[in-house]
Amino acid sequence: MENPFLQDDDSSGEYKGSFADASLNYMSYNDIASKLIKDKFWLTALELHTELVEAGKEVPKLKEFSLIQ
């Protein structure tokens, strides 16, 4: 099963898999960051960046995005 955050052709926002399938998939913070930025959830992306920096888990994509904002 593909990562739902990387699917560009589905704009419904609905997860098509089951919860059992979801537990087998791995989503990185980078995948989540890409989806948030792509869908223009800029405030959420900045909040995620702040939380990850505080936890010592900085994501380069979010760092670049936060510098632009």
C-alpha atoms as a PDB file:
ATOM      1  CA  MET A   1       0.000   0.000   0.000  1.00  0.00           C
ATOM      2  CA  GLU A   2       1.296   3.437  -0.923  1.00  0.00           C
ATOM      3  CA  ASN A   3       1.832   6.303   1.466  1.00  0.00           C
ATOM      4  CA  PRO A   4      -1.394   8.402   1.380  1.00  0.00           C
ATOM      5  CA  PHE A   5       0.590  11.600   1.939  1.00  0.00           C
ATOM      6  CA  LEU A   6       2.440  11.143  -1.346  1.00  0.00           C
ATOM      7  CA  GLN A   7      -0.608  10.616  -3.571  1.00  0.00           C
ATOM      8  CA  ASP A   8      -1.024  13.703  -5.757  1.00  0.00           C
ATOM      9  CA  ASP A   9      -4.074  12.528  -7.702  1.00  0.00           C
ATOM     10  CA  ASP A  10      -6.429  12.113  -4.727  1.00  0.00           C
ATOM     11  CA  SER A  11      -7.703  15.433  -3.426  1.00  0.00           C
ATOM     12  CA  SER A  12     -10.592  13.999  -1.383  1.00  0.00           C
ATOM     13  CA  GLY A  13      -8.470  13.862   1.766  1.00  0.00           C
ATOM     14  CA  GLU A  14      -9.873  10.456   2.678  1.00  0.00           C
ATOM     15  CA  TYR A  15      -7.630   7.593   3.690  1.00  0.00           C
ATOM     16  CA  LYS A  16      -8.490   4.682   1.385  1.00  0.00           C
ATOM     17  CA  GLY A  17      -6.848   1.900   3.401  1.00  0.00           C
ATOM     18  CA  SER A  18      -7.854   0.212   6.614  1.00  0.00           C
ATOM     19  CA  PHE A  19      -6.417   0.873  10.048  1.00  0.00           C
ATOM     20  CA  ALA A  20      -4.813  -2.578   9.931  1.00  0.00           C
ATOM     21  CA  ASP A  21      -2.952  -1.557   6.761  1.00  0.00           C
ATOM     22  CA  ALA A  22      -1.893   1.761   8.275  1.00  0.00           C
ATOM     23  CA  SER A  23      -0.023   0.084  11.111  1.00  0.00           C
ATOM     24  CA  LEU A  24       2.275  -1.630   8.592  1.00  0.00           C
ATOM     25  CA  ASN A  25       3.270   1.586   6.854  1.00  0.00           C
ATOM     26  CA  TYR A  26       5.979   3.978   7.901  1.00  0.00           C
ATOM     27  CA  MET A  27       5.527   7.699   7.400  1.00  0.00           C
ATOM     28  CA  SER A  28       8.520   9.901   8.003  1.00  0.00           C
ATOM     29  CA  TYR A  29       8.358  13.441   9.323  1.00  0.00           C
ATOM     30  CA  ASN A  30       9.608  14.480   5.892  1.00  0.00           C
ATOM     31  CA  ASP A  31       6.553  12.832   4.251  1.00  0.00           C
ATOM     32  CA  ILE A  32       4.244  14.682   6.623  1.00  0.00           C
ATOM     33  CA  ALA A  33       6.102  17.965   6.070  1.00  0.00           C
ATOM     34  CA  SER A  34       5.826  17.584   2.296  1.00  0.00           C
ATOM     35  CA  LYS A  35       2.091  17.001   2.500  1.00  0.00           C
ATOM     36  CA  LEU A  36       1.509  19.962   4.831  1.00  0.00           C
ATOM     37  CA  ILE A  37       3.471  22.324   2.594  1.00  0.00           C
ATOM     38  CA  LYS A  38       1.910  20.982  -0.617  1.00  0.00           C
ATOM     39  CA  ASP A  39      -1.597  21.466   0.765  1.00  0.00           C
ATOM     40  CA  LYS A  40      -0.732  24.949   2.097  1.00  0.00           C
ATOM     41  CA  PHE A  41      -1.109  24.067   5.779  1.00  0.00           C
ATOM     42  CA  TRP A  42       1.666  26.547   6.485  1.00  0.00           C
ATOM     43  CA  LEU A  43       0.879  27.294  10.120  1.00  0.00           C
ATOM     44  CA  THR A  44       0.693  23.576  10.907  1.00  0.00           C
ATOM     45  CA  ALA A  45       4.012  23.039   9.104  1.00  0.00           C
ATOM     46  CA  LEU A  46       5.618  25.796  11.176  1.00  0.00           C
ATOM     47  CA  GLU A  47       4.171  24.343  14.383  1.00  0.00           C
ATOM     48  CA  LEU A  48       5.485  20.886  13.468  1.00  0.00           C
ATOM     49  CA  HIS A  49       8.905  22.421  12.775  1.00  0.00           C
ATOM     50  CA  THR A  50       8.916  24.098  16.202  1.00  0.00           C
ATOM     51  CA  GLU A  51       7.923  20.894  18.006  1.00  0.00           C
ATOM     52  CA  LEU A  52      10.526  18.815  16.162  1.00  0.00           C
ATOM     53  CA  VAL A  53      13.306  21.346  16.824  1.00  0.00           C
ATOM     54  CA  GLU A  54      12.428  21.341  20.526  1.00  0.00           C
ATOM     55  CA  ALA A  55      12.582  17.526  20.480  1.00  0.00           C
ATOM     56  CA  GLY A  56      15.925  17.558  18.637  1.00  0.00           C
ATOM     57  CA  LYS A  57      14.480  16.035  15.450  1.00  0.00           C
ATOM     58  CA  GLU A  58      14.793  18.791  12.883  1.00  0.00           C
ATOM     59  CA  VAL A  59      13.554  18.096   9.333  1.00  0.00           C
ATOM     60  CA  PRO A  60      15.562  19.953   6.643  1.00  0.00           C
ATOM     61  CA  LYS A  61      12.481  20.554   4.468  1.00  0.00           C
ATOM     62  CA  LEU A  62      10.722  22.300   7.354  1.00  0.00           C
ATOM     63  CA  LYS A  63      13.840  24.269   8.246  1.00  0.00           C
ATOM     64  CA  GLU A  64      14.053  25.627   4.692  1.00  0.00           C
ATOM     65  CA  PHE A  65      10.328  26.391   4.709  1.00  0.00           C
ATOM     66  CA  SER A  66      10.498  28.236   8.038  1.00  0.00           C
ATOM     67  CA  LEU A  67      13.356  30.420   6.783  1.00  0.00           C
ATOM     68  CA  ILE A  68      11.269  31.492   3.772  1.00  0.00           C
ATOM     69  CA  GLN A  69       8.300  32.437   5.930  1.00  0.00           C
END
